[in-house]
Amino acid sequence: MTAPIRIAGWGRATDGSTVTWAVAEGRKGRRWREVRTRGEDVIHSLLLETDEARRFSHLELARADGLWTFHPEADGTLHGNHVGGGDPGIRHFSGWPFDPDDAVVVEGSPLSLAALAWRLAASFRVGSTVSVPGVVIGASGRADQVADIRVRRLSNVAWQAGEGSPLEIDDAGLPVLGDGEIRPLELV
């Protein structure tokens, strides 16, 4: 058995934003953290958790349109909310059907794609496309249940979700970003 991953990194996303991230494994799974910036402006800050079977288990997202949270319930549904200014102020997401293998993807988030690719990597051949049901939190401020998030494995390391830009994922499921670096979180 290998030691749990405790890694951090940074680099440039395909849209030119800077992504700083950290991934840490524990007894309950992986905790993925990401902040995307453009200059001095924060585009979003994300905490995404996956369980020991690599499935989605929790999300917290902060960005200009407000705060988002999602988590699956034992009854096979997804719950969460969006807290933002204006009307309605708080939107509740309650009882959306959600299978344990469904996905939650944040548009523009390399780490949410990395987490999904990491889950699929062992059973998904190069050149294949699979449709994964789930929820997409769009850059427009909408969360939509979708029947198929099209995920393509372009090569051993390159993945693409929907029409988004391809992303390289290393053997440990970590994103490889342009002009990027990856380093251990702990001193050795």
Foldseek 3Di string as FASTA:
>chain_A
DDDWAWKWKWAADPVGWIKTWTWTADQFFIWIWIWTGDVPGTAKTKIWGAGPLLFTAKIWMQGQQFIKIWGADPVQAIWIWGAGDDPPRIDIDPGHGHDRRAAEEEPPDPLSVLSNCLNCLVPDDAADKDFGWYWYCYSVRDIDTDRGFIKHRNDNFWIDTDPDDIWGADPNSHTDHHVMDMDGPDDD
